[in-house]
N, C-alpha and C. Protein backbone atom coordinates (compact mmCIF):
# COMPACT_ATOMS: atom_id res chain seq x y z
N UNK A 1 -89.85 -39.88 33.92
CA UNK A 1 -89.61 -38.59 34.59
C UNK A 1 -88.71 -38.83 35.75
N UNK A 2 -87.62 -38.09 35.80
CA UNK A 2 -86.59 -38.26 36.92
C UNK A 2 -87.10 -37.59 38.15
N UNK A 3 -86.81 -38.17 39.27
CA UNK A 3 -87.21 -37.65 40.56
C UNK A 3 -85.99 -36.89 41.09
N UNK A 4 -86.19 -35.67 41.55
CA UNK A 4 -85.21 -34.80 42.19
C UNK A 4 -85.21 -35.23 43.64
N UNK A 5 -84.30 -36.16 44.00
CA UNK A 5 -84.23 -36.59 45.38
C UNK A 5 -84.05 -35.50 46.40
N UNK A 6 -83.13 -34.59 46.04
CA UNK A 6 -82.82 -33.41 46.95
C UNK A 6 -84.12 -32.66 47.23
N UNK A 7 -84.90 -32.26 46.21
CA UNK A 7 -86.07 -31.51 46.37
C UNK A 7 -87.11 -32.30 47.16
N UNK A 8 -87.21 -33.60 46.79
CA UNK A 8 -88.16 -34.49 47.65
C UNK A 8 -87.80 -34.50 49.07
N UNK A 9 -86.49 -34.60 49.40
CA UNK A 9 -86.06 -34.63 50.75
C UNK A 9 -86.39 -33.39 51.51
N UNK A 10 -86.20 -32.20 50.82
CA UNK A 10 -86.48 -30.94 51.44
C UNK A 10 -88.01 -30.85 51.77
N UNK A 11 -88.88 -31.32 50.73
CA UNK A 11 -90.25 -31.26 50.95
C UNK A 11 -90.65 -32.15 52.12
N UNK A 12 -90.09 -33.38 52.15
CA UNK A 12 -90.41 -34.35 53.19
C UNK A 12 -90.05 -33.70 54.56
N UNK A 13 -88.87 -33.14 54.63
CA UNK A 13 -88.47 -32.54 55.96
C UNK A 13 -89.38 -31.47 56.43
N UNK A 14 -89.78 -30.57 55.49
CA UNK A 14 -90.75 -29.52 55.92
C UNK A 14 -92.06 -30.13 56.33
N UNK A 15 -92.45 -31.18 55.72
CA UNK A 15 -93.76 -31.70 56.08
C UNK A 15 -93.73 -32.54 57.31
N UNK A 16 -92.64 -33.23 57.60
CA UNK A 16 -92.63 -34.26 58.63
C UNK A 16 -91.62 -34.05 59.82
N UNK A 17 -90.82 -33.06 59.72
CA UNK A 17 -89.80 -33.01 60.76
C UNK A 17 -89.75 -31.52 61.28
N UNK A 18 -89.91 -31.35 62.56
CA UNK A 18 -89.66 -30.08 63.16
C UNK A 18 -88.72 -30.34 64.41
N UNK A 19 -88.26 -31.51 64.47
CA UNK A 19 -87.45 -31.90 65.65
C UNK A 19 -86.10 -31.19 65.64
N UNK A 20 -85.47 -31.06 64.51
CA UNK A 20 -84.09 -30.51 64.47
C UNK A 20 -84.16 -29.10 63.86
N UNK A 21 -83.76 -28.09 64.62
CA UNK A 21 -83.65 -26.72 64.07
C UNK A 21 -82.21 -26.62 63.51
N UNK A 22 -82.17 -26.70 62.15
CA UNK A 22 -80.88 -26.74 61.48
C UNK A 22 -80.13 -25.47 61.69
N UNK A 23 -80.70 -24.38 61.66
CA UNK A 23 -79.97 -23.06 61.82
C UNK A 23 -79.32 -23.07 63.25
N UNK A 24 -80.06 -23.45 64.21
CA UNK A 24 -79.45 -23.51 65.62
C UNK A 24 -78.37 -24.55 65.65
N UNK A 25 -78.58 -25.68 65.02
CA UNK A 25 -77.58 -26.73 64.92
C UNK A 25 -76.28 -26.10 64.26
N UNK A 26 -76.44 -25.52 63.22
CA UNK A 26 -75.26 -24.95 62.46
C UNK A 26 -74.54 -23.93 63.33
N UNK A 27 -75.26 -23.14 64.08
CA UNK A 27 -74.60 -22.15 64.92
C UNK A 27 -73.77 -22.81 66.01
N UNK A 28 -74.30 -23.95 66.54
CA UNK A 28 -73.61 -24.65 67.58
C UNK A 28 -72.49 -25.59 67.10
N UNK A 29 -72.75 -26.27 65.97
CA UNK A 29 -71.86 -27.36 65.55
C UNK A 29 -71.08 -27.14 64.25
N UNK A 30 -71.59 -26.20 63.41
CA UNK A 30 -71.02 -25.99 62.15
C UNK A 30 -71.07 -24.53 61.77
N UNK A 31 -70.41 -23.65 62.55
CA UNK A 31 -70.56 -22.22 62.37
C UNK A 31 -69.93 -21.61 61.23
N UNK A 32 -68.93 -22.37 60.53
CA UNK A 32 -68.26 -21.89 59.34
C UNK A 32 -68.15 -23.07 58.43
N UNK A 33 -68.34 -22.79 57.10
CA UNK A 33 -68.15 -23.91 56.13
C UNK A 33 -66.75 -24.42 56.19
N UNK A 34 -66.58 -25.65 55.92
CA UNK A 34 -65.16 -26.24 56.01
C UNK A 34 -64.25 -25.53 54.95
N UNK A 35 -64.73 -25.27 53.81
CA UNK A 35 -63.90 -24.64 52.78
C UNK A 35 -63.47 -23.19 53.17
N UNK A 36 -64.42 -22.49 53.88
CA UNK A 36 -64.05 -21.18 54.32
C UNK A 36 -63.04 -21.20 55.42
N UNK A 37 -63.13 -22.17 56.32
CA UNK A 37 -62.13 -22.34 57.36
C UNK A 37 -60.77 -22.53 56.73
N UNK A 38 -60.66 -23.44 55.78
CA UNK A 38 -59.43 -23.73 55.17
C UNK A 38 -58.90 -22.44 54.41
N UNK A 39 -59.74 -21.78 53.75
CA UNK A 39 -59.34 -20.54 53.03
C UNK A 39 -58.82 -19.47 53.99
N UNK A 40 -59.26 -19.52 55.27
CA UNK A 40 -58.81 -18.56 56.18
C UNK A 40 -57.38 -18.83 56.71
N UNK A 41 -56.83 -20.00 56.26
CA UNK A 41 -55.48 -20.33 56.72
C UNK A 41 -55.42 -21.23 57.95
N UNK A 42 -56.54 -21.91 58.26
CA UNK A 42 -56.63 -22.75 59.45
C UNK A 42 -55.55 -23.86 59.45
N UNK A 43 -55.03 -24.18 60.64
CA UNK A 43 -54.10 -25.27 60.77
C UNK A 43 -54.79 -26.63 60.75
N UNK A 44 -53.99 -27.71 60.73
CA UNK A 44 -54.65 -28.99 60.73
C UNK A 44 -55.38 -29.25 62.03
N UNK A 45 -54.78 -28.72 63.09
CA UNK A 45 -55.47 -28.83 64.45
C UNK A 45 -56.83 -28.09 64.45
N UNK A 46 -56.91 -26.91 63.85
CA UNK A 46 -58.15 -26.14 63.82
C UNK A 46 -59.10 -26.95 62.94
N UNK A 47 -58.67 -27.49 61.83
CA UNK A 47 -59.53 -28.30 60.95
C UNK A 47 -60.05 -29.55 61.71
N UNK A 48 -59.19 -30.17 62.50
CA UNK A 48 -59.60 -31.39 63.21
C UNK A 48 -60.69 -31.00 64.28
N UNK A 49 -60.44 -29.91 64.94
CA UNK A 49 -61.46 -29.44 65.88
C UNK A 49 -62.77 -29.15 65.26
N UNK A 50 -62.71 -28.52 64.10
CA UNK A 50 -63.96 -28.16 63.38
C UNK A 50 -64.68 -29.41 63.01
N UNK A 51 -63.93 -30.41 62.50
CA UNK A 51 -64.50 -31.73 62.08
C UNK A 51 -65.15 -32.43 63.32
N UNK A 52 -64.39 -32.39 64.43
CA UNK A 52 -64.91 -33.05 65.63
C UNK A 52 -66.19 -32.40 66.10
N UNK A 53 -66.22 -31.07 66.08
CA UNK A 53 -67.42 -30.36 66.48
C UNK A 53 -68.62 -30.74 65.59
N UNK A 54 -68.38 -30.87 64.29
CA UNK A 54 -69.49 -31.29 63.36
C UNK A 54 -69.94 -32.66 63.60
N UNK A 55 -69.02 -33.57 63.90
CA UNK A 55 -69.36 -35.01 64.16
C UNK A 55 -70.12 -35.11 65.46
N UNK A 56 -69.75 -34.33 66.48
CA UNK A 56 -70.50 -34.29 67.72
C UNK A 56 -71.92 -33.82 67.49
N UNK A 57 -72.05 -32.87 66.60
CA UNK A 57 -73.39 -32.35 66.24
C UNK A 57 -74.19 -33.41 65.48
N UNK A 58 -73.49 -34.15 64.63
CA UNK A 58 -74.23 -35.22 63.91
C UNK A 58 -74.73 -36.26 64.94
N UNK A 59 -73.88 -36.47 65.95
CA UNK A 59 -74.37 -37.51 67.02
C UNK A 59 -75.57 -36.95 67.73
N UNK A 60 -75.70 -35.61 67.92
CA UNK A 60 -76.88 -35.08 68.55
C UNK A 60 -78.14 -35.26 67.65
N UNK A 61 -77.95 -35.05 66.36
CA UNK A 61 -79.07 -35.29 65.38
C UNK A 61 -79.54 -36.74 65.42
N UNK A 62 -78.59 -37.70 65.39
CA UNK A 62 -78.93 -39.04 65.45
C UNK A 62 -79.66 -39.40 66.73
N UNK A 63 -79.16 -38.86 67.83
CA UNK A 63 -79.84 -39.13 69.14
C UNK A 63 -81.23 -38.57 69.17
N UNK A 64 -81.34 -37.30 68.68
CA UNK A 64 -82.65 -36.67 68.76
C UNK A 64 -83.69 -37.31 67.82
N UNK A 65 -83.20 -37.87 66.73
CA UNK A 65 -84.13 -38.57 65.78
C UNK A 65 -84.22 -40.06 66.10
N UNK A 66 -83.75 -40.42 67.30
CA UNK A 66 -83.89 -41.82 67.84
C UNK A 66 -83.39 -42.86 66.87
N UNK A 67 -82.16 -42.58 66.32
CA UNK A 67 -81.46 -43.48 65.46
C UNK A 67 -82.31 -44.02 64.26
N UNK A 68 -83.30 -43.26 63.89
CA UNK A 68 -84.16 -43.61 62.68
C UNK A 68 -83.31 -43.29 61.48
N UNK A 69 -82.83 -44.27 60.79
CA UNK A 69 -81.90 -44.12 59.65
C UNK A 69 -82.56 -43.25 58.58
N UNK A 70 -83.82 -43.47 58.24
CA UNK A 70 -84.47 -42.73 57.22
C UNK A 70 -84.59 -41.23 57.56
N UNK A 71 -85.09 -40.95 58.83
CA UNK A 71 -85.25 -39.60 59.24
C UNK A 71 -83.83 -38.88 59.24
N UNK A 72 -82.85 -39.54 59.75
CA UNK A 72 -81.49 -38.91 59.80
C UNK A 72 -80.98 -38.61 58.42
N UNK A 73 -81.18 -39.51 57.46
CA UNK A 73 -80.66 -39.27 56.12
C UNK A 73 -81.47 -38.16 55.43
N UNK A 74 -82.80 -38.09 55.68
CA UNK A 74 -83.61 -37.07 55.07
C UNK A 74 -83.19 -35.67 55.59
N UNK A 75 -82.99 -35.65 56.91
CA UNK A 75 -82.57 -34.31 57.48
C UNK A 75 -81.19 -33.92 56.92
N UNK A 76 -80.28 -34.75 56.88
CA UNK A 76 -78.93 -34.48 56.39
C UNK A 76 -78.93 -34.09 54.88
N UNK A 77 -79.69 -34.77 54.12
CA UNK A 77 -79.78 -34.50 52.69
C UNK A 77 -80.48 -33.18 52.45
N UNK A 78 -81.64 -32.97 53.11
CA UNK A 78 -82.43 -31.78 52.92
C UNK A 78 -81.73 -30.50 53.32
N UNK A 79 -80.86 -30.64 54.36
CA UNK A 79 -80.21 -29.49 54.87
C UNK A 79 -78.73 -29.39 54.46
N UNK A 80 -78.36 -30.30 53.62
CA UNK A 80 -76.99 -30.20 53.03
C UNK A 80 -75.87 -30.28 54.16
N UNK A 81 -76.05 -31.06 55.09
CA UNK A 81 -75.05 -31.20 56.22
C UNK A 81 -74.50 -32.60 56.23
N UNK A 82 -74.48 -33.23 55.04
CA UNK A 82 -74.00 -34.59 55.01
C UNK A 82 -72.48 -34.64 55.32
N UNK A 83 -72.09 -35.68 55.96
CA UNK A 83 -70.65 -35.76 56.31
C UNK A 83 -69.78 -36.19 55.18
N UNK A 84 -69.65 -35.37 54.17
CA UNK A 84 -68.85 -35.71 53.00
C UNK A 84 -67.60 -34.91 52.88
N UNK A 85 -66.76 -35.15 51.92
CA UNK A 85 -65.57 -34.35 51.81
C UNK A 85 -65.83 -32.87 51.65
N UNK A 86 -67.01 -32.55 51.13
CA UNK A 86 -67.31 -31.08 51.00
C UNK A 86 -67.55 -30.40 52.34
N UNK A 87 -67.97 -31.13 53.38
CA UNK A 87 -68.22 -30.58 54.70
C UNK A 87 -67.20 -30.89 55.70
N UNK A 88 -66.05 -31.47 55.36
CA UNK A 88 -65.02 -31.90 56.26
C UNK A 88 -63.82 -31.00 56.13
N UNK A 89 -63.43 -30.26 57.18
CA UNK A 89 -62.35 -29.29 57.08
C UNK A 89 -61.04 -30.03 56.80
N UNK A 90 -60.83 -31.21 57.34
CA UNK A 90 -59.61 -31.98 57.06
C UNK A 90 -59.55 -32.41 55.65
N UNK A 91 -60.64 -32.86 55.12
CA UNK A 91 -60.73 -33.22 53.63
C UNK A 91 -60.45 -31.95 52.83
N UNK A 92 -61.10 -30.92 53.13
CA UNK A 92 -60.89 -29.66 52.38
C UNK A 92 -59.43 -29.25 52.40
N UNK A 93 -58.78 -29.32 53.56
CA UNK A 93 -57.44 -28.98 53.71
C UNK A 93 -56.47 -29.75 52.78
N UNK A 94 -56.67 -31.10 52.84
CA UNK A 94 -55.79 -31.93 52.06
C UNK A 94 -56.21 -32.09 50.52
N UNK A 95 -57.45 -31.95 50.21
CA UNK A 95 -57.80 -31.86 48.84
C UNK A 95 -57.26 -30.68 48.16
N UNK A 96 -57.35 -29.49 48.87
CA UNK A 96 -56.73 -28.26 48.39
C UNK A 96 -55.27 -28.39 48.14
N UNK A 97 -54.57 -29.08 49.05
CA UNK A 97 -53.09 -29.32 48.90
C UNK A 97 -52.90 -30.12 47.60
N UNK A 98 -53.74 -31.17 47.47
CA UNK A 98 -53.54 -32.08 46.25
C UNK A 98 -53.80 -31.29 44.95
N UNK A 99 -54.72 -30.42 44.96
CA UNK A 99 -55.01 -29.67 43.70
C UNK A 99 -53.92 -28.72 43.45
N UNK A 100 -53.17 -28.25 44.43
CA UNK A 100 -52.05 -27.42 44.23
C UNK A 100 -50.89 -28.20 43.63
N UNK A 101 -50.82 -29.45 43.96
CA UNK A 101 -49.76 -30.34 43.46
C UNK A 101 -50.44 -31.58 42.81
N UNK A 102 -50.82 -31.52 41.54
CA UNK A 102 -51.51 -32.58 40.88
C UNK A 102 -50.94 -33.98 40.94
N UNK A 103 -49.66 -34.06 41.21
CA UNK A 103 -48.96 -35.34 41.27
C UNK A 103 -49.47 -36.06 42.55
N UNK A 104 -50.02 -35.41 43.55
CA UNK A 104 -50.42 -36.00 44.81
C UNK A 104 -51.88 -36.44 44.81
N UNK A 105 -52.64 -36.23 43.71
CA UNK A 105 -54.02 -36.50 43.72
C UNK A 105 -54.39 -37.96 44.02
N UNK A 106 -53.46 -38.86 43.66
CA UNK A 106 -53.72 -40.28 43.98
C UNK A 106 -53.57 -40.60 45.47
N UNK A 107 -52.85 -39.67 46.20
CA UNK A 107 -52.64 -39.90 47.63
C UNK A 107 -53.32 -38.79 48.45
N UNK A 108 -54.53 -38.44 47.97
CA UNK A 108 -55.18 -37.27 48.56
C UNK A 108 -55.25 -37.29 50.07
N UNK A 109 -55.52 -38.43 50.66
CA UNK A 109 -55.65 -38.51 52.14
C UNK A 109 -54.31 -38.80 52.87
N UNK A 110 -53.28 -39.07 52.09
CA UNK A 110 -52.01 -39.55 52.79
C UNK A 110 -51.43 -38.61 53.83
N UNK A 111 -51.61 -37.32 53.67
CA UNK A 111 -51.10 -36.34 54.65
C UNK A 111 -52.09 -36.03 55.76
N UNK A 112 -53.25 -36.52 55.72
CA UNK A 112 -54.22 -36.34 56.78
C UNK A 112 -53.89 -37.01 58.03
N UNK A 113 -54.03 -36.33 59.13
CA UNK A 113 -53.79 -36.94 60.47
C UNK A 113 -54.61 -38.15 60.72
N UNK A 114 -55.88 -38.22 60.20
CA UNK A 114 -56.65 -39.49 60.38
C UNK A 114 -56.04 -40.68 59.64
N UNK A 115 -55.54 -40.44 58.49
CA UNK A 115 -54.81 -41.52 57.74
C UNK A 115 -53.56 -41.96 58.54
N UNK A 116 -52.88 -41.04 59.03
CA UNK A 116 -51.61 -41.34 59.78
C UNK A 116 -51.92 -42.11 61.03
N UNK A 117 -52.98 -41.66 61.76
CA UNK A 117 -53.33 -42.39 62.95
C UNK A 117 -53.85 -43.83 62.66
N UNK A 118 -54.37 -44.06 61.47
CA UNK A 118 -54.85 -45.37 61.06
C UNK A 118 -53.84 -46.17 60.21
N UNK A 119 -52.60 -45.87 60.37
CA UNK A 119 -51.51 -46.61 59.76
C UNK A 119 -51.70 -46.63 58.16
N UNK A 120 -51.97 -45.47 57.63
CA UNK A 120 -52.08 -45.37 56.15
C UNK A 120 -53.41 -45.58 55.53
N UNK A 121 -54.37 -45.92 56.40
CA UNK A 121 -55.77 -46.12 55.86
C UNK A 121 -56.54 -44.89 56.24
N UNK A 122 -57.22 -44.27 55.21
CA UNK A 122 -58.06 -43.10 55.39
C UNK A 122 -59.30 -43.55 56.23
N UNK A 123 -59.99 -42.49 56.67
CA UNK A 123 -61.18 -42.71 57.54
C UNK A 123 -62.27 -43.44 56.81
N UNK A 124 -62.24 -43.52 55.42
CA UNK A 124 -63.29 -44.17 54.70
C UNK A 124 -62.82 -45.51 54.04
N UNK A 125 -61.70 -46.02 54.49
CA UNK A 125 -61.20 -47.30 54.01
C UNK A 125 -61.02 -48.27 55.22
N UNK A 126 -61.44 -49.52 55.00
CA UNK A 126 -61.31 -50.49 56.04
C UNK A 126 -59.87 -50.97 56.23
N UNK A 127 -59.42 -51.00 57.41
CA UNK A 127 -58.01 -51.42 57.81
C UNK A 127 -58.08 -52.86 58.27
N UNK A 128 -57.92 -53.83 57.33
CA UNK A 128 -58.01 -55.26 57.73
C UNK A 128 -56.63 -55.82 58.14
N UNK A 129 -55.56 -54.96 57.91
CA UNK A 129 -54.25 -55.49 58.26
C UNK A 129 -53.98 -55.30 59.76
N UNK A 130 -53.75 -56.34 60.37
CA UNK A 130 -53.47 -56.34 61.80
C UNK A 130 -54.57 -55.77 62.69
N UNK A 131 -55.88 -55.79 62.28
CA UNK A 131 -56.98 -55.27 63.02
C UNK A 131 -58.14 -56.16 62.78
N UNK A 132 -59.15 -56.00 63.66
CA UNK A 132 -60.39 -56.71 63.47
C UNK A 132 -61.43 -55.81 62.88
N UNK A 133 -61.01 -54.68 62.24
CA UNK A 133 -61.95 -53.71 61.68
C UNK A 133 -62.72 -54.33 60.56
N UNK A 134 -64.00 -54.22 60.59
CA UNK A 134 -64.89 -54.69 59.49
C UNK A 134 -65.51 -53.57 58.76
N UNK A 135 -65.35 -52.39 59.30
CA UNK A 135 -65.93 -51.21 58.75
C UNK A 135 -65.15 -49.93 59.02
N UNK A 136 -64.99 -49.07 58.06
CA UNK A 136 -64.30 -47.82 58.34
C UNK A 136 -65.06 -46.92 59.28
N UNK A 137 -64.33 -46.01 59.98
CA UNK A 137 -65.07 -45.08 60.88
C UNK A 137 -66.20 -44.29 60.10
N UNK A 138 -65.79 -43.82 58.96
CA UNK A 138 -66.78 -43.01 58.19
C UNK A 138 -68.01 -43.85 57.75
N UNK A 139 -67.76 -45.08 57.24
CA UNK A 139 -68.88 -45.87 56.81
C UNK A 139 -69.69 -46.44 58.02
N UNK A 140 -69.15 -46.39 59.19
CA UNK A 140 -70.01 -46.76 60.30
C UNK A 140 -71.21 -45.81 60.42
N UNK A 141 -70.94 -44.57 60.02
CA UNK A 141 -72.01 -43.52 60.05
C UNK A 141 -72.87 -43.63 58.79
N UNK A 142 -72.25 -43.73 57.62
CA UNK A 142 -73.02 -43.68 56.38
C UNK A 142 -73.88 -45.00 56.24
N UNK A 143 -73.41 -46.05 56.77
CA UNK A 143 -74.17 -47.36 56.68
C UNK A 143 -75.01 -47.68 57.86
N UNK A 144 -74.61 -47.28 59.07
CA UNK A 144 -75.32 -47.64 60.24
C UNK A 144 -75.65 -46.52 61.14
N UNK A 145 -75.52 -45.28 60.74
CA UNK A 145 -75.80 -44.09 61.52
C UNK A 145 -75.14 -44.16 62.89
N UNK A 146 -73.89 -44.49 62.90
CA UNK A 146 -73.11 -44.64 64.09
C UNK A 146 -71.94 -43.65 64.05
N UNK A 147 -72.05 -42.42 64.69
CA UNK A 147 -70.97 -41.47 64.53
C UNK A 147 -69.77 -41.70 65.53
N UNK A 148 -69.97 -42.66 66.44
CA UNK A 148 -69.00 -42.84 67.47
C UNK A 148 -67.60 -43.17 67.02
N UNK A 149 -67.37 -44.06 65.96
CA UNK A 149 -66.01 -44.33 65.52
C UNK A 149 -65.32 -43.06 64.97
N UNK A 150 -66.09 -42.14 64.22
CA UNK A 150 -65.43 -40.98 63.67
C UNK A 150 -65.09 -40.05 64.79
N UNK A 151 -66.04 -39.96 65.80
CA UNK A 151 -65.77 -39.02 66.95
C UNK A 151 -64.49 -39.49 67.68
N UNK A 152 -64.40 -40.75 67.93
CA UNK A 152 -63.24 -41.29 68.62
C UNK A 152 -61.95 -41.01 67.83
N UNK A 153 -61.98 -41.26 66.53
CA UNK A 153 -60.79 -40.97 65.71
C UNK A 153 -60.43 -39.47 65.73
N UNK A 154 -61.43 -38.64 65.59
CA UNK A 154 -61.15 -37.15 65.65
C UNK A 154 -60.69 -36.69 66.95
N UNK A 155 -61.13 -37.28 68.04
CA UNK A 155 -60.65 -36.94 69.35
C UNK A 155 -59.22 -37.38 69.44
N UNK A 156 -58.86 -38.55 68.95
CA UNK A 156 -57.39 -38.96 68.91
C UNK A 156 -56.58 -38.01 68.12
N UNK A 157 -57.17 -37.53 66.98
CA UNK A 157 -56.40 -36.61 66.13
C UNK A 157 -56.14 -35.29 66.83
N UNK A 158 -57.17 -34.72 67.49
CA UNK A 158 -57.04 -33.46 68.24
C UNK A 158 -55.99 -33.64 69.30
N UNK A 159 -56.02 -34.76 70.06
CA UNK A 159 -55.08 -34.99 71.06
C UNK A 159 -53.63 -35.08 70.49
N UNK A 160 -53.46 -35.80 69.38
CA UNK A 160 -52.13 -35.94 68.76
C UNK A 160 -51.66 -34.67 68.26
N UNK A 161 -52.53 -33.82 67.61
CA UNK A 161 -52.09 -32.46 67.07
C UNK A 161 -51.88 -31.48 68.17
N UNK A 162 -52.49 -31.64 69.36
CA UNK A 162 -52.30 -30.75 70.42
C UNK A 162 -51.12 -31.01 71.32
N UNK A 163 -50.55 -32.19 71.19
CA UNK A 163 -49.42 -32.61 71.95
C UNK A 163 -48.23 -31.79 71.74
N UNK A 164 -47.50 -31.40 72.78
CA UNK A 164 -46.28 -30.66 72.45
C UNK A 164 -45.23 -31.51 71.81
N UNK A 165 -45.32 -32.81 71.92
CA UNK A 165 -44.39 -33.78 71.29
C UNK A 165 -44.74 -33.98 69.77
N UNK A 166 -45.64 -33.24 69.27
CA UNK A 166 -46.12 -33.48 67.92
C UNK A 166 -45.60 -32.39 66.98
N UNK A 167 -45.20 -32.86 65.84
CA UNK A 167 -44.72 -31.94 64.72
C UNK A 167 -45.82 -31.05 64.28
N UNK A 168 -45.54 -29.76 64.05
CA UNK A 168 -46.60 -28.89 63.48
C UNK A 168 -46.94 -29.26 62.05
N UNK A 169 -46.07 -29.87 61.32
CA UNK A 169 -46.32 -30.13 59.94
C UNK A 169 -46.89 -31.52 59.64
N UNK A 170 -46.53 -32.49 60.46
CA UNK A 170 -46.93 -33.84 60.10
C UNK A 170 -48.07 -34.34 60.99
N UNK A 171 -48.19 -33.85 62.18
CA UNK A 171 -49.14 -34.32 63.13
C UNK A 171 -48.68 -35.60 63.84
N UNK A 172 -47.50 -36.01 63.55
CA UNK A 172 -46.91 -37.25 64.19
C UNK A 172 -45.78 -36.90 65.11
N UNK A 173 -45.47 -37.75 66.09
CA UNK A 173 -44.37 -37.39 66.99
C UNK A 173 -43.00 -37.22 66.17
N UNK A 174 -42.17 -36.42 66.78
CA UNK A 174 -40.90 -36.16 66.22
C UNK A 174 -40.09 -37.51 66.22
N UNK A 175 -39.22 -37.73 65.26
CA UNK A 175 -38.45 -38.97 65.19
C UNK A 175 -37.50 -39.11 66.39
N UNK A 176 -37.08 -37.99 66.97
CA UNK A 176 -36.16 -38.06 68.11
C UNK A 176 -36.88 -38.44 69.38
N UNK A 177 -38.17 -38.62 69.39
CA UNK A 177 -38.92 -38.87 70.63
C UNK A 177 -39.33 -40.27 70.68
């Protein structure tokens, strides 16, 4: 008999957790679905801000649940707020672009500001070239419940995209500068 992990997690959360009010959390940190934001025509800067807001909210959940890996995962699974491509506005933006141009599917993350800031390495790939990185920012959270590397990367992305010296289309400084 197969176990429905999602249903079990929802049941567990109702029985054991009243610490995080997910509806209030969503109002504060995830007021619109990532896919809906992209469908509305959001810019890469707006998507980066949305993702940063979500990750700051994830940090609040982690802190509130006292870094208890099992509790954090159960809350995220039960309430479907996992930090996956489905819930990331930047991922949704670039995945959508790749599906519009099937030839780009192998380079799904190549146009993302996070990949550009990481010298061609996406947020979920380790950059061992010229760095001491042993874990990607994304996997720091999924493996160790540490949202700080993703928050730092997203803050860097928002700064880069907000800079007047930044191109609107690439997120990187103009070649003349």
